[in-house]
């Protein structure tokens, strides 16, 4: 094979390796994003339930001057 062909094959091999590494990083980041979204949803739901509990507790209590 010519030197030019070997050089191109080496470059292609490095590009394929780089693409695979980037794909792995992207996959890992997407997993982290999904976990953070789930955490955010759970926290938002929990805060909303706490807010509802506080509002109900206020309605059930007599005013402070009684």
C-alpha atoms as a PDB file:
ATOM      1  CA  UNK A   1       0.000   0.000   0.000  1.00  0.00           C
ATOM      2  CA  UNK A   2       1.081   3.528  -0.531  1.00  0.00           C
ATOM      3  CA  UNK A   3       2.083   5.789   2.336  1.00  0.00           C
ATOM      4  CA  UNK A   4      -0.884   8.020   1.628  1.00  0.00           C
ATOM      5  CA  UNK A   5      -3.335   5.106   1.978  1.00  0.00           C
ATOM      6  CA  UNK A   6      -1.749   3.985   5.262  1.00  0.00           C
ATOM      7  CA  UNK A   7      -1.868   7.536   6.578  1.00  0.00           C
ATOM      8  CA  UNK A   8      -5.570   7.818   5.715  1.00  0.00           C
ATOM      9  CA  UNK A   9      -6.356   4.475   7.352  1.00  0.00           C
ATOM     10  CA  UNK A  10      -4.562   5.554  10.528  1.00  0.00           C
ATOM     11  CA  UNK A  11      -6.501   8.821  10.595  1.00  0.00           C
ATOM     12  CA  UNK A  12      -9.769   6.968  10.086  1.00  0.00           C
ATOM     13  CA  UNK A  13      -8.927   4.585  12.917  1.00  0.00           C
ATOM     14  CA  UNK A  14      -8.228   7.509  15.270  1.00  0.00           C
ATOM     15  CA  UNK A  15     -11.431   9.244  14.199  1.00  0.00           C
ATOM     16  CA  UNK A  16     -13.451   6.087  14.862  1.00  0.00           C
ATOM     17  CA  UNK A  17     -11.868   5.768  18.295  1.00  0.00           C
ATOM     18  CA  UNK A  18     -12.604   9.419  19.055  1.00  0.00           C
ATOM     19  CA  UNK A  19     -16.217   9.014  17.924  1.00  0.00           C
ATOM     20  CA  UNK A  20     -16.663   5.981  20.174  1.00  0.00           C
ATOM     21  CA  UNK A  21     -15.204   7.858  23.141  1.00  0.00           C
ATOM     22  CA  UNK A  22     -17.441  10.864  22.493  1.00  0.00           C
ATOM     23  CA  UNK A  23     -20.441   8.590  22.171  1.00  0.00           C
ATOM     24  CA  UNK A  24     -19.639   7.022  25.554  1.00  0.00           C
ATOM     25  CA  UNK A  25     -19.308  10.454  27.165  1.00  0.00           C
ATOM     26  CA  UNK A  26     -22.562  11.602  25.611  1.00  0.00           C
ATOM     27  CA  UNK A  27     -24.354   8.499  26.878  1.00  0.00           C
ATOM     28  CA  UNK A  28     -22.985   9.052  30.391  1.00  0.00           C
ATOM     29  CA  UNK A  29     -24.035  12.696  30.370  1.00  0.00           C
ATOM     30  CA  UNK A  30     -27.530  11.798  29.209  1.00  0.00           C
ATOM     31  CA  UNK A  31     -27.844   9.343  32.093  1.00  0.00           C
ATOM     32  CA  UNK A  32     -26.799  12.096  34.516  1.00  0.00           C
ATOM     33  CA  UNK A  33     -29.311  14.508  32.981  1.00  0.00           C
ATOM     34  CA  UNK A  34     -32.073  11.923  33.315  1.00  0.00           C
ATOM     35  CA  UNK A  35     -31.201  11.350  36.982  1.00  0.00           C
ATOM     36  CA  UNK A  36     -31.185  15.090  37.665  1.00  0.00           C
ATOM     37  CA  UNK A  37     -34.558  15.501  35.965  1.00  0.00           C
ATOM     38  CA  UNK A  38     -36.001  12.707  38.095  1.00  0.00           C
ATOM     39  CA  UNK A  39     -34.568  14.288  41.249  1.00  0.00           C
ATOM     40  CA  UNK A  40     -35.982  17.670  40.283  1.00  0.00           C
ATOM     41  CA  UNK A  41     -39.411  16.157  39.643  1.00  0.00           C
ATOM     42  CA  UNK A  42     -39.396  14.361  43.002  1.00  0.00           C
ATOM     43  CA  UNK A  43     -38.336  17.522  44.836  1.00  0.00           C
ATOM     44  CA  UNK A  44     -40.955  19.633  43.075  1.00  0.00           C
ATOM     45  CA  UNK A  45     -43.664  17.083  43.921  1.00  0.00           C
ATOM     46  CA  UNK A  46     -42.497  16.941  47.530  1.00  0.00           C
ATOM     47  CA  UNK A  47     -42.480  20.736  47.853  1.00  0.00           C
ATOM     48  CA  UNK A  48     -45.950  20.958  46.354  1.00  0.00           C
ATOM     49  CA  UNK A  49     -47.252  18.385  48.821  1.00  0.00           C
ATOM     50  CA  UNK A  50     -45.652  20.321  51.696  1.00  0.00           C
ATOM     51  CA  UNK A  51     -47.253  23.525  50.439  1.00  0.00           C
ATOM     52  CA  UNK A  52     -50.673  21.858  50.300  1.00  0.00           C
ATOM     53  CA  UNK A  53     -50.207  20.503  53.828  1.00  0.00           C
ATOM     54  CA  UNK A  54     -49.296  23.978  55.098  1.00  0.00           C
ATOM     55  CA  UNK A  55     -52.345  25.544  53.460  1.00  0.00           C
ATOM     56  CA  UNK A  56     -54.656  22.938  54.953  1.00  0.00           C
ATOM     57  CA  UNK A  57     -53.086  23.365  58.379  1.00  0.00           C
ATOM     58  CA  UNK A  58     -53.696  27.113  58.298  1.00  0.00           C
ATOM     59  CA  UNK A  59     -57.395  26.669  57.494  1.00  0.00           C
ATOM     60  CA  UNK A  60     -57.902  24.228  60.368  1.00  0.00           C
ATOM     61  CA  UNK A  61     -56.290  26.401  63.037  1.00  0.00           C
ATOM     62  CA  UNK A  62     -58.195  29.135  64.844  1.00  0.00           C
ATOM     63  CA  UNK A  63     -56.862  32.666  64.512  1.00  0.00           C
ATOM     64  CA  UNK A  64     -54.095  33.515  67.020  1.00  0.00           C
ATOM     65  CA  UNK A  65     -56.276  35.906  69.073  1.00  0.00           C
ATOM     66  CA  UNK A  66     -58.572  33.104  70.325  1.00  0.00           C
END
